[in-house]
Amino acid sequence: MKKPLRSNFPRGSYLWAVRNAQWQALGIAEEDADKPKIAIVNSSSGLAACFAHLDGIVPVVKEAIRAAGAVPFEIRTAAPSDFVIGAGARGAYILTTRDLVTNDIEVAVEGPQLDGMICLTSCDKTVPGQLMAAGRLNIPTLMLACGYQPSGEFEGEHVDIEDVFVGAMHAQMGYLPMDKLIGMSRNAIRGPGVCSGMGTANTMHIACEALGMALPGTTPVAANSDAMFDAARRAGARIVDMVLEDLKPRDILTPAAFANAVKTILAVAGSVNSIKHLQAVATESGCQTDVYGLFEQFGSEVPVLSAVRPVGQHFIEQFEAAGGARAVMANLGDLLDGRVMTVTGKTLAENLQGVQSSDADVIRPVTQPFARLPAITMLRGSLSPGYSVVKTGVAERKVRRFSGTAICFASSDEAIAALKAGTIRPGQVVVTRGAGVRGGPGMGGGSSKVVFALDGAGMAEQVAMITDGHLSGLVCKGLVVAEVQPEGAELGPLALVHDGDTITIDLDTRRCDLEVSQEELDRRASSWQPPTPQFDRGWLQLYRRNVGPLSEGAVLVEPR
């Protein structure tokens, strides 16, 4: 006997009657009201190219859902694009909107008791926000990647959004002519979709497939391509079967699935932002998994099998053509747990049967990787008692150990101003703090701008940088330690660093240490005063007061 649909109410009851009145006005027949009801989660927006095409995907998914015998309902959520909403509150809305997406979905799906959902995944924060909602609500859910944008060309050279981001900071430092930056910005994006490099968006799309939450072979994908629309049709049909099978996210989002996702991200040298996002998904799913610990554990075990820009020279189009996420996972072979369940109703091993890379130069076998050292390195030490992270990339680093004197700043703007003034000198460790999940709030603060400014000033290899803020998924320059835990605003050791203190960063020993005695740190802590909360009103105030620690994914919890 099939499980009753939670969306169905007794005929003639209050809930049935008032809902029927609403749906009659929408042209939904009474006989259709007994069918499975599927939410199409559409984070659409006219503000950014990332989301501009999603409205055109909805009708295709709706048609497939109807053909499969169910009723589709489109719902909307917030749609954060870093490059657009990062203008306000010094970037504080970027990460914080991830949790708005989760709560938008809860209200729109749990309120009416819909039976399942397809999430149209696009830019960085919508993907984890949707996955977090899937784990929280635990109703049949399928993630549909909506694709990457086509890049452009300027003055005979490839140009994409990463080049514009880096170029903007180079222009500020006088390294790049302003007219060239303007030309690059006019040509970098030639259509809708997410950033075309292996930044956070494409990394998280791949993570969806590696977790088993997206159909196999659907990530990454070019936006508005035949392959993307084919995936949309198949997803619309499959979600109805998932509802009838009662296949739920928590059946899929197991510790082994998270381990598979971590290994796949390491193999593609993905974005460091995926760490906190996967931890947030695990937390919302009730899965007792330490994602930070998984990255630490598997970093030295999983070779880097692909090198897509910005960590390498290959383009995302080449990676997709070579087989994408599915080919990477097939090449990882026994390093993955093939027994895990996926949205297909089959195991990962069954989904990967017969799959192989079609271009061994773009997606390599484990015996001939791009790198054996991890592209993402987790550090701990006296300056980072919790975890901190370095995007080490795939190129052989000249400097794997750096010891220098600290020069401290309360904001990225202060650091950039000091760089322009010539205050920052070779051999120093640039410290920016107050940009954690509470101090930012939401890790706003523009740490990436400092990295690119240092690069533009020709100092990326001459100084190191450490911050409790986060970095764009496109950042892979210099020796930068990010997301230091605990953060400065919570009286982590980073808050106690003074100008001139010696800081040592060692990638081989995976240490990040402050060379100051504990007695001196205790003395400094006794007189420390917490910084005045930034942008402390409205949504950002609610977030700052309720956000949990980064070690739990920085999800919203009950006030402490």
Protein backbone atom coordinates (compact mmCIF):
# COMPACT_ATOMS: atom_id res chain seq x y z
CA MET A 1 0.00 0.00 0.00
CA LYS A 2 1.35 3.38 -1.01
CA LYS A 3 1.96 5.96 1.67
CA PRO A 4 -0.76 8.66 1.68
CA LEU A 5 0.29 12.03 0.33
CA ARG A 6 0.75 14.54 3.11
CA SER A 7 -0.72 17.24 0.88
CA ASN A 8 -4.13 15.57 0.73
CA PHE A 9 -6.83 16.56 3.22
CA PRO A 10 -10.22 14.91 3.85
CA ARG A 11 -12.77 16.05 1.27
CA GLY A 12 -15.07 18.66 2.77
CA SER A 13 -12.74 19.50 5.65
CA TYR A 14 -11.78 23.10 6.38
CA LEU A 15 -8.31 22.77 4.87
CA TRP A 16 -9.68 20.96 1.80
CA ALA A 17 -12.45 23.49 1.26
CA VAL A 18 -10.44 26.72 1.53
CA ARG A 19 -7.58 25.30 -0.52
CA ASN A 20 -10.00 24.06 -3.16
CA ALA A 21 -11.48 27.55 -3.40
CA GLN A 22 -8.03 29.00 -3.99
CA TRP A 23 -7.05 26.39 -6.55
CA GLN A 24 -10.33 26.59 -8.44
CA ALA A 25 -9.49 30.23 -9.05
CA LEU A 26 -6.12 29.11 -10.46
CA GLY A 27 -7.77 26.61 -12.83
CA ILE A 28 -6.66 23.50 -10.92
CA ALA A 29 -9.32 20.81 -11.22
CA GLU A 30 -10.56 18.99 -8.11
CA GLU A 31 -9.41 15.66 -9.52
CA ASP A 32 -5.87 17.03 -9.85
CA ALA A 33 -5.85 18.13 -6.22
CA ASP A 34 -5.40 14.50 -5.14
CA LYS A 35 -2.20 14.07 -7.18
CA PRO A 36 1.33 14.58 -5.82
CA LYS A 37 2.09 18.27 -5.46
CA ILE A 38 5.62 19.28 -6.41
CA ALA A 39 7.35 22.56 -5.60
CA ILE A 40 9.63 24.02 -8.24
CA VAL A 41 12.00 26.17 -6.21
CA ASN A 42 12.94 29.06 -8.46
CA SER A 43 15.55 31.51 -7.19
CA SER A 44 15.03 33.83 -10.12
CA SER A 45 16.17 37.43 -10.32
CA GLY A 46 16.61 40.13 -12.92
CA LEU A 47 19.59 41.54 -11.02
CA ALA A 48 22.25 39.12 -12.23
CA ALA A 49 23.09 36.84 -15.14
CA CYS A 50 23.31 33.90 -12.72
CA PHE A 51 19.52 33.78 -12.35
CA ALA A 52 18.26 35.50 -15.52
CA HIS A 53 17.35 32.28 -17.34
CA LEU A 54 15.60 30.34 -14.59
CA ASP A 55 12.10 31.52 -15.51
CA GLY A 56 12.58 29.87 -18.90
CA ILE A 57 13.36 26.51 -17.29
CA VAL A 58 10.24 26.42 -15.11
CA PRO A 59 7.74 25.66 -17.95
CA VAL A 60 9.85 22.69 -19.08
CA VAL A 61 9.92 21.24 -15.57
CA LYS A 62 6.21 21.90 -15.09
CA GLU A 63 5.34 20.07 -18.30
CA ALA A 64 7.42 17.06 -17.26
CA ILE A 65 5.82 16.96 -13.81
CA ARG A 66 2.30 17.12 -15.28
CA ALA A 67 3.15 14.38 -17.78
CA ALA A 68 4.30 12.21 -14.88
CA GLY A 69 0.94 12.60 -13.14
CA ALA A 70 1.57 15.34 -10.59
CA VAL A 71 0.80 19.02 -10.08
CA PRO A 72 3.65 21.58 -10.14
CA PHE A 73 3.75 24.74 -8.04
CA GLU A 74 6.42 27.36 -8.63
CA ILE A 75 7.75 29.07 -5.52
CA ARG A 76 10.31 31.87 -5.19
CA THR A 77 13.22 32.57 -2.87
CA ALA A 78 15.85 35.23 -2.41
CA ALA A 79 18.51 35.17 -5.14
CA PRO A 80 21.96 36.33 -3.95
CA SER A 81 24.67 37.05 -6.51
CA ASP A 82 27.96 37.98 -4.83
CA PHE A 83 28.88 40.53 -7.47
CA VAL A 84 25.58 42.40 -7.11
CA ILE A 85 24.27 42.13 -3.54
CA GLY A 86 27.81 42.41 -2.22
CA ALA A 87 27.52 46.16 -2.64
CA GLY A 88 25.51 46.67 0.55
CA ALA A 89 26.74 46.36 4.14
CA ARG A 90 30.29 45.65 3.00
CA GLY A 91 29.26 42.27 1.60
CA ALA A 92 27.35 41.10 4.67
CA TYR A 93 24.34 40.00 2.63
CA ILE A 94 26.29 37.44 0.59
CA LEU A 95 26.54 34.47 2.97
CA THR A 96 23.62 35.48 5.17
CA THR A 97 21.19 35.18 2.27
CA ARG A 98 21.97 31.47 2.05
CA ASP A 99 19.94 30.95 5.22
CA LEU A 100 17.18 33.21 3.93
CA VAL A 101 16.84 30.83 0.98
CA THR A 102 16.48 27.90 3.37
CA ASN A 103 13.80 29.64 5.37
CA ASP A 104 11.99 30.90 2.27
CA ILE A 105 11.68 27.28 1.16
CA GLU A 106 10.50 26.11 4.57
CA VAL A 107 7.68 28.65 4.58
CA ALA A 108 6.60 28.03 0.97
CA VAL A 109 6.86 24.21 1.01
CA GLU A 110 6.22 23.15 4.60
CA GLY A 111 3.34 25.59 5.06
CA PRO A 112 1.16 24.07 2.31
CA GLN A 113 2.56 20.57 2.98
CA LEU A 114 3.76 19.98 -0.58
CA ASP A 115 5.00 16.47 -1.31
CA GLY A 116 8.35 17.03 -2.99
CA MET A 117 10.50 19.63 -4.67
CA ILE A 118 12.85 20.27 -7.54
CA CYS A 119 15.38 23.00 -6.76
CA LEU A 120 16.69 25.06 -9.67
CA THR A 121 20.26 25.51 -8.50
CA SER A 122 22.22 28.46 -9.75
CA CYS A 123 24.61 30.88 -8.04
CA ASP A 124 26.75 30.07 -5.02
CA LYS A 125 24.46 30.51 -2.02
CA THR A 126 21.24 29.20 -3.54
CA VAL A 127 22.72 25.70 -3.91
CA PRO A 128 23.58 25.11 -0.25
CA GLY A 129 20.49 27.05 0.83
CA GLN A 130 18.32 24.64 -1.15
CA LEU A 131 20.23 21.58 0.05
CA MET A 132 19.90 22.79 3.64
CA ALA A 133 16.13 23.06 3.17
CA ALA A 134 16.04 19.57 1.71
CA GLY A 135 17.81 18.22 4.76
CA ARG A 136 15.64 20.20 7.16
CA LEU A 137 12.26 19.37 5.59
CA ASN A 138 13.22 15.83 4.53
CA ILE A 139 10.73 15.51 1.70
CA PRO A 140 11.68 14.01 -1.68
CA THR A 141 14.00 16.52 -3.33
CA LEU A 142 15.99 16.66 -6.53
CA MET A 143 18.64 19.28 -7.34
CA LEU A 144 18.70 20.54 -10.93
CA ALA A 145 21.85 22.40 -11.98
CA CYS A 146 20.92 25.28 -14.27
CA GLY A 147 24.30 25.83 -15.77
CA TYR A 148 27.32 28.05 -16.25
CA GLN A 149 27.56 31.20 -18.36
CA PRO A 150 29.45 31.54 -21.64
CA SER A 151 32.63 33.60 -21.29
CA GLY A 152 33.87 36.21 -23.72
CA GLU A 153 36.95 37.56 -25.43
CA PHE A 154 38.69 40.93 -25.33
CA GLU A 155 41.69 42.06 -27.33
CA GLY A 156 42.11 38.53 -28.63
CA GLU A 157 42.23 36.92 -25.21
CA HIS A 158 39.74 34.90 -23.17
CA VAL A 159 38.00 36.93 -20.47
CA ASP A 160 35.58 35.81 -17.77
CA ILE A 161 34.20 37.17 -14.52
CA GLU A 162 37.28 36.05 -12.58
CA ASP A 163 39.47 38.16 -14.84
CA VAL A 164 37.21 41.16 -14.21
CA PHE A 165 37.28 40.61 -10.42
CA VAL A 166 41.06 40.32 -10.36
CA GLY A 167 41.43 43.11 -12.92
CA ALA A 168 39.35 45.54 -10.87
CA MET A 169 41.77 45.28 -7.95
CA HIS A 170 44.77 45.42 -10.27
CA ALA A 171 43.34 48.63 -11.73
CA GLN A 172 42.97 50.08 -8.24
CA MET A 173 46.65 49.44 -7.64
CA GLY A 174 47.57 51.08 -10.95
CA TYR A 175 48.70 47.81 -12.52
CA LEU A 176 45.94 47.60 -15.15
CA PRO A 177 44.75 50.49 -17.35
CA MET A 178 41.20 51.53 -16.54
CA ASP A 179 40.07 51.41 -20.17
CA LYS A 180 41.18 47.77 -20.38
CA LEU A 181 39.21 46.89 -17.25
CA ILE A 182 36.13 48.55 -18.74
CA GLY A 183 36.58 46.59 -21.96
CA MET A 184 36.97 43.35 -20.05
CA SER A 185 33.82 44.01 -18.04
CA ARG A 186 31.84 44.62 -21.25
CA ASN A 187 32.87 41.30 -22.75
CA ALA A 188 33.34 38.85 -19.86
CA ILE A 189 29.82 37.40 -19.77
CA ARG A 190 27.99 36.50 -22.98
CA GLY A 191 24.86 34.91 -21.57
CA PRO A 192 23.09 33.70 -18.43
CA GLY A 193 24.43 31.22 -15.91
CA VAL A 194 26.91 31.02 -13.05
CA CYS A 195 30.62 31.91 -13.11
CA SER A 196 32.35 29.73 -15.65
CA GLY A 197 35.37 28.73 -13.56
CA MET A 198 35.65 26.11 -10.84
CA GLY A 199 34.34 28.62 -8.31
CA THR A 200 31.77 27.98 -5.62
CA ALA A 201 28.77 27.62 -7.93
CA ASN A 202 30.18 24.91 -10.20
CA THR A 203 31.81 23.24 -7.20
CA MET A 204 28.47 23.08 -5.39
CA HIS A 205 26.69 21.83 -8.51
CA ILE A 206 29.23 19.01 -8.67
CA ALA A 207 28.77 18.43 -4.93
CA CYS A 208 25.04 17.91 -5.51
CA GLU A 209 25.79 15.06 -7.89
CA ALA A 210 28.52 13.64 -5.66
CA LEU A 211 26.10 13.64 -2.71
CA GLY A 212 23.59 11.73 -4.81
CA MET A 213 21.11 14.63 -4.85
CA ALA A 214 21.31 15.37 -8.60
CA LEU A 215 20.77 13.09 -11.56
CA PRO A 216 24.01 11.47 -12.76
CA GLY A 217 25.77 13.21 -15.60
CA THR A 218 24.08 16.58 -15.11
CA THR A 219 26.93 18.63 -13.60
CA PRO A 220 28.44 20.86 -14.70
CA VAL A 221 26.31 21.92 -17.66
CA ALA A 222 26.15 24.91 -19.96
CA ALA A 223 23.18 27.16 -19.20
CA ASN A 224 20.28 26.89 -21.66
CA SER A 225 21.98 24.02 -23.50
CA ASP A 226 20.17 20.97 -24.85
CA ALA A 227 21.80 18.95 -22.07
CA MET A 228 20.43 21.28 -19.40
CA PHE A 229 16.88 21.13 -20.76
CA ASP A 230 17.11 17.35 -21.12
CA ALA A 231 18.11 17.16 -17.46
CA ALA A 232 15.13 19.38 -16.58
CA ARG A 233 12.70 17.02 -18.32
CA ARG A 234 14.19 13.95 -16.67
CA ALA A 235 14.17 15.65 -13.28
CA GLY A 236 10.49 16.55 -13.64
CA ALA A 237 9.61 12.93 -14.30
CA ARG A 238 11.90 11.50 -11.64
CA ILE A 239 10.72 13.68 -8.74
CA VAL A 240 7.21 12.26 -9.05
CA ASP A 241 8.57 8.73 -8.77
CA MET A 242 10.64 9.78 -5.77
CA VAL A 243 7.49 11.00 -4.02
CA LEU A 244 5.71 7.72 -4.74
CA GLU A 245 8.78 5.78 -3.58
CA ASP A 246 9.10 8.03 -0.51
CA LEU A 247 12.83 8.48 -1.23
CA LYS A 248 13.91 11.33 1.03
CA PRO A 249 17.07 13.44 1.43
CA ARG A 250 18.04 11.86 4.74
CA ASP A 251 18.06 8.47 2.98
CA ILE A 252 20.75 9.93 0.72
CA LEU A 253 22.61 12.49 2.86
CA THR A 254 24.55 9.97 4.96
CA PRO A 255 28.10 10.24 6.36
CA ALA A 256 29.36 8.16 3.45
CA ALA A 257 27.69 10.50 0.95
CA PHE A 258 29.38 13.53 2.51
CA ALA A 259 32.72 11.71 2.40
CA ASN A 260 32.16 11.04 -1.32
CA ALA A 261 31.35 14.71 -1.91
CA VAL A 262 34.48 15.86 -0.06
CA LYS A 263 36.68 13.51 -2.07
CA THR A 264 35.13 14.66 -5.34
CA ILE A 265 35.67 18.33 -4.46
CA LEU A 266 39.30 17.60 -3.58
CA ALA A 267 39.69 15.78 -6.89
CA VAL A 268 38.45 18.80 -8.87
CA ALA A 269 40.37 21.34 -6.73
CA GLY A 270 37.05 22.99 -5.93
CA SER A 271 36.08 26.05 -3.93
CA VAL A 272 37.00 26.30 -0.25
CA ASN A 273 33.52 27.73 0.38
CA SER A 274 32.10 24.26 -0.23
CA ILE A 275 33.47 23.20 3.17
CA LYS A 276 31.20 25.39 5.29
CA HIS A 277 28.29 24.83 2.91
CA LEU A 278 28.51 21.04 3.13
CA GLN A 279 28.85 21.32 6.90
CA ALA A 280 25.67 23.42 6.97
CA VAL A 281 23.85 20.79 4.88
CA ALA A 282 25.02 18.04 7.23
CA THR A 283 23.89 20.03 10.26
CA GLU A 284 20.44 20.73 8.80
CA SER A 285 20.14 17.07 7.79
CA GLY A 286 20.81 15.82 11.29
CA CYS A 287 23.87 13.98 9.96
CA GLN A 288 26.64 13.74 12.56
CA THR A 289 29.46 14.48 10.16
CA ASP A 290 32.48 16.72 10.65
CA VAL A 291 33.00 17.99 7.10
CA TYR A 292 36.05 20.05 8.12
CA GLY A 293 37.57 16.89 9.53
CA LEU A 294 36.83 15.03 6.29
CA PHE A 295 38.72 17.64 4.26
CA GLU A 296 41.60 17.36 6.72
CA GLN A 297 41.54 13.55 6.62
CA PHE A 298 41.22 13.04 2.88
CA GLY A 299 43.36 15.97 1.70
CA SER A 300 46.49 13.84 1.54
CA GLU A 301 44.68 10.77 0.18
CA VAL A 302 42.80 12.13 -2.84
CA PRO A 303 44.82 13.22 -5.89
CA VAL A 304 43.77 16.21 -8.02
CA LEU A 305 42.33 14.81 -11.25
CA SER A 306 41.26 18.02 -13.01
CA ALA A 307 42.55 21.58 -13.18
CA VAL A 308 39.87 23.96 -14.39
CA ARG A 309 40.40 27.72 -14.21
CA PRO A 310 41.35 29.40 -11.92
CA VAL A 311 43.55 26.58 -10.54
CA GLY A 312 44.54 25.33 -14.00
CA GLN A 313 44.30 26.19 -17.68
CA HIS A 314 41.34 24.07 -18.76
CA PHE A 315 37.92 25.61 -19.29
CA ILE A 316 34.71 24.36 -17.73
CA GLU A 317 33.42 23.49 -21.21
CA GLN A 318 36.31 21.06 -21.65
CA PHE A 319 35.62 19.56 -18.24
CA GLU A 320 31.94 19.02 -19.10
CA ALA A 321 32.84 17.49 -22.47
CA ALA A 322 35.28 15.10 -20.78
CA GLY A 323 32.48 13.69 -18.63
CA GLY A 324 32.16 16.17 -15.76
CA ALA A 325 31.47 15.07 -12.20
CA ARG A 326 30.45 11.56 -13.20
CA ALA A 327 33.77 10.92 -14.95
CA VAL A 328 35.74 12.26 -11.97
CA MET A 329 33.86 9.96 -9.62
CA ALA A 330 34.35 7.01 -11.96
CA ASN A 331 38.09 7.70 -12.03
CA LEU A 332 38.19 7.90 -8.23
CA GLY A 333 36.91 4.33 -8.22
CA ASP A 334 37.39 2.54 -4.92
CA LEU A 335 38.21 5.80 -3.14
CA LEU A 336 34.44 6.41 -3.11
CA ASP A 337 31.76 4.41 -1.33
CA GLY A 338 29.66 3.06 -4.17
CA ARG A 339 26.99 1.63 -1.86
CA VAL A 340 25.34 4.97 -1.10
CA MET A 341 21.82 5.64 -2.31
CA THR A 342 21.10 8.40 -4.87
CA VAL A 343 18.05 10.20 -6.26
CA THR A 344 17.84 7.64 -9.05
CA GLY A 345 16.82 4.99 -6.54
CA LYS A 346 20.07 3.21 -7.41
CA THR A 347 23.44 3.19 -5.72
CA LEU A 348 26.34 5.35 -6.81
CA ALA A 349 28.14 2.26 -8.11
CA GLU A 350 25.18 1.42 -10.32
CA ASN A 351 25.06 4.99 -11.65
CA LEU A 352 28.77 4.91 -12.50
CA GLN A 353 28.82 1.54 -14.20
CA GLY A 354 30.61 1.79 -17.56
CA VAL A 355 31.43 5.51 -17.14
CA GLN A 356 34.86 6.83 -18.06
CA SER A 357 36.53 10.11 -18.94
CA SER A 358 36.51 10.91 -22.66
CA ASP A 359 39.62 13.09 -22.36
CA ALA A 360 42.35 11.76 -20.08
CA ASP A 361 44.21 15.06 -20.23
CA VAL A 362 41.30 17.05 -18.81
CA ILE A 363 40.06 14.44 -16.30
CA ARG A 364 43.00 12.26 -15.43
CA PRO A 365 43.24 8.78 -13.89
CA VAL A 366 44.39 8.52 -10.28
CA THR A 367 47.72 7.13 -11.47
CA GLN A 368 48.53 10.33 -13.43
CA PRO A 369 47.00 13.22 -11.46
CA PHE A 370 47.65 16.93 -11.86
CA ALA A 371 48.87 16.96 -8.26
CA ARG A 372 49.22 14.62 -5.32
CA LEU A 373 49.43 17.37 -2.74
CA PRO A 374 45.98 18.67 -1.76
CA ALA A 375 44.57 21.71 -3.55
CA ILE A 376 42.73 22.55 -0.29
CA THR A 377 44.74 22.37 2.92
CA MET A 378 43.30 22.53 6.42
CA LEU A 379 45.47 24.15 9.09
CA ARG A 380 45.36 24.21 12.87
CA GLY A 381 47.62 25.70 15.51
CA SER A 382 47.85 28.30 18.25
CA LEU A 383 46.44 31.01 15.97
CA SER A 384 43.76 28.67 14.65
CA PRO A 385 42.73 26.25 17.41
CA GLY A 386 39.79 25.30 15.24
CA TYR A 387 40.22 24.84 11.52
CA SER A 388 41.44 27.35 8.99
CA VAL A 389 41.77 26.78 5.26
CA VAL A 390 44.24 27.50 2.45
CA LYS A 391 43.47 27.13 -1.25
CA THR A 392 46.85 25.76 -2.24
CA GLY A 393 45.93 24.99 -5.86
CA VAL A 394 47.71 22.52 -8.12
CA ALA A 395 50.88 24.42 -9.06
CA GLU A 396 54.04 23.56 -7.14
CA ARG A 397 54.46 26.28 -4.53
CA LYS A 398 57.82 27.97 -4.09
CA VAL A 399 56.93 28.92 -0.52
CA ARG A 400 55.30 26.30 1.69
CA ARG A 401 56.45 27.81 4.97
CA PHE A 402 56.21 31.50 5.79
CA SER A 403 57.22 33.21 9.00
CA GLY A 404 56.80 36.95 9.29
CA THR A 405 55.66 39.85 11.43
CA ALA A 406 51.99 40.75 11.67
CA ILE A 407 50.49 43.96 10.38
CA CYS A 408 46.86 44.16 11.54
CA PHE A 409 43.75 45.77 10.08
CA ALA A 410 40.15 45.99 11.24
CA SER A 411 38.80 45.88 7.68
CA SER A 412 39.77 45.06 4.12
CA ASP A 413 39.42 48.73 3.17
CA GLU A 414 42.07 49.64 5.77
CA ALA A 415 44.40 46.97 4.40
CA ILE A 416 43.99 48.16 0.81
CA ALA A 417 44.59 51.77 1.85
CA ALA A 418 47.78 50.71 3.65
CA LEU A 419 48.91 48.80 0.57
CA LYS A 420 48.42 51.88 -1.59
CA ALA A 421 50.34 53.96 0.95
CA GLY A 422 53.25 51.53 0.92
CA THR A 423 52.81 50.57 4.57
CA ILE A 424 52.66 46.83 3.83
CA ARG A 425 56.13 45.46 3.17
CA PRO A 426 57.62 42.15 2.01
CA GLY A 427 58.00 39.60 4.80
CA GLN A 428 54.88 40.70 6.66
CA VAL A 429 51.71 38.75 7.42
CA VAL A 430 48.65 40.84 6.63
CA VAL A 431 46.01 40.21 9.32
CA THR A 432 42.39 41.24 8.73
CA ARG A 433 39.79 40.40 11.34
CA GLY A 434 36.23 41.15 12.30
CA ALA A 435 34.99 39.44 9.14
CA GLY A 436 33.69 36.16 10.60
CA VAL A 437 30.11 34.96 10.69
CA ARG A 438 29.32 37.20 13.68
CA GLY A 439 31.87 39.94 13.19
CA GLY A 440 31.08 40.55 9.52
CA PRO A 441 28.34 39.63 10.04
CA GLY A 442 28.06 36.71 7.66
CA MET A 443 31.74 36.86 6.69
CA GLY A 444 31.20 40.09 4.78
CA GLY A 445 34.23 42.28 4.48
CA GLY A 446 35.86 41.75 1.12
CA SER A 447 38.86 39.62 2.07
CA SER A 448 39.21 38.56 -1.58
CA LYS A 449 39.74 42.17 -2.60
CA VAL A 450 42.82 42.35 -0.40
CA VAL A 451 44.23 39.18 -1.99
CA PHE A 452 43.78 40.56 -5.49
CA ALA A 453 45.13 43.97 -4.47
CA LEU A 454 48.28 42.31 -3.13
CA ASP A 455 48.54 40.41 -6.40
CA GLY A 456 48.10 43.64 -8.37
CA ALA A 457 50.84 45.28 -6.33
CA GLY A 458 53.17 42.37 -7.14
CA MET A 459 53.31 41.27 -3.50
CA ALA A 460 51.26 38.06 -3.54
CA GLU A 461 54.37 35.91 -3.12
CA GLN A 462 56.20 38.33 -0.81
CA VAL A 463 53.67 38.51 2.01
CA ALA A 464 51.19 36.11 3.57
CA MET A 465 47.66 36.90 4.65
CA ILE A 466 45.41 35.56 7.39
CA THR A 467 41.75 36.39 8.00
CA ASP A 468 38.62 35.17 9.72
CA GLY A 469 36.70 36.16 6.59
CA HIS A 470 36.02 33.97 3.61
CA LEU A 471 37.33 34.11 0.07
CA SER A 472 35.65 34.00 -3.29
CA GLY A 473 35.70 30.52 -4.77
CA LEU A 474 37.79 31.99 -7.56
CA VAL A 475 40.67 32.99 -5.27
CA CYS A 476 43.87 30.99 -5.76
CA LYS A 477 46.70 33.50 -5.38
CA GLY A 478 49.42 33.81 -2.77
CA LEU A 479 49.55 32.19 0.65
CA VAL A 480 46.24 33.11 2.25
CA VAL A 481 44.82 31.50 5.38
CA ALA A 482 41.06 32.11 5.60
CA GLU A 483 38.09 31.33 7.83
CA VAL A 484 40.20 31.17 10.97
CA GLN A 485 38.28 29.57 13.84
CA PRO A 486 37.40 30.90 16.36
CA GLU A 487 36.86 34.27 14.72
CA GLY A 488 38.20 37.52 16.11
CA ALA A 489 34.82 38.85 17.21
CA GLU A 490 34.43 35.80 19.46
CA LEU A 491 37.81 36.40 21.13
CA GLY A 492 39.64 33.87 19.05
CA PRO A 493 43.46 34.21 19.14
CA LEU A 494 43.24 36.28 15.95
CA ALA A 495 41.72 39.07 18.04
CA LEU A 496 44.83 39.20 20.21
CA VAL A 497 47.45 39.59 17.47
CA HIS A 498 49.45 42.83 17.67
CA ASP A 499 51.53 44.50 15.00
CA GLY A 500 55.01 42.99 15.05
CA ASP A 501 54.00 39.59 16.44
CA THR A 502 55.56 36.65 14.62
CA ILE A 503 53.17 34.36 12.73
CA THR A 504 54.29 31.09 11.14
CA ILE A 505 52.31 29.27 8.46
CA ASP A 506 53.52 25.81 7.44
CA LEU A 507 51.65 23.88 4.75
CA ASP A 508 53.64 20.69 5.28
CA THR A 509 52.95 20.44 9.01
CA ARG A 510 49.51 22.03 8.50
CA ARG A 511 50.14 24.55 11.25
CA CYS A 512 49.25 28.20 11.73
CA ASP A 513 50.90 29.56 14.86
CA LEU A 514 51.21 32.82 16.74
CA GLU A 515 54.64 33.00 18.36
CA VAL A 516 53.46 34.74 21.55
CA SER A 517 53.49 33.24 25.05
CA GLN A 518 50.26 32.13 26.63
CA GLU A 519 50.90 34.49 29.56
CA GLU A 520 51.05 37.46 27.18
CA LEU A 521 47.89 36.33 25.36
CA ASP A 522 46.07 36.01 28.70
CA ARG A 523 47.15 39.55 29.57
CA ARG A 524 45.85 40.86 26.23
CA ALA A 525 42.59 38.96 26.60
CA SER A 526 41.91 40.50 30.02
CA SER A 527 41.68 43.96 28.49
CA TRP A 528 40.04 42.97 25.19
CA GLN A 529 36.77 44.63 24.27
CA PRO A 530 34.44 43.14 21.65
CA PRO A 531 34.11 45.25 18.52
CA THR A 532 30.94 47.24 17.98
CA PRO A 533 28.56 45.10 15.88
CA GLN A 534 28.55 46.08 12.22
CA PHE A 535 25.33 46.82 10.29
CA ASP A 536 23.35 45.74 13.33
CA ARG A 537 19.78 46.13 12.17
CA GLY A 538 17.09 44.24 10.28
CA TRP A 539 17.96 40.88 8.80
CA LEU A 540 21.68 41.22 9.54
CA GLN A 541 20.94 41.82 13.21
CA LEU A 542 18.77 38.70 13.36
CA TYR A 543 21.50 36.71 11.63
CA ARG A 544 24.32 37.94 13.86
CA ARG A 545 22.40 37.17 17.05
CA ASN A 546 21.33 33.69 15.98
CA VAL A 547 24.03 32.25 13.75
CA GLY A 548 25.89 29.19 14.99
CA PRO A 549 29.65 28.66 14.76
CA LEU A 550 31.44 28.00 11.51
CA SER A 551 32.32 24.51 12.75
CA GLU A 552 28.61 23.69 12.47
CA GLY A 553 28.27 25.35 9.07
CA ALA A 554 27.18 28.77 10.41
CA VAL A 555 23.51 27.82 10.35
CA LEU A 556 20.82 29.69 12.25
CA VAL A 557 20.15 28.21 15.64
CA GLU A 558 18.29 29.23 18.78
CA PRO A 559 19.84 32.30 20.42
CA ARG A 560 22.68 31.38 22.74
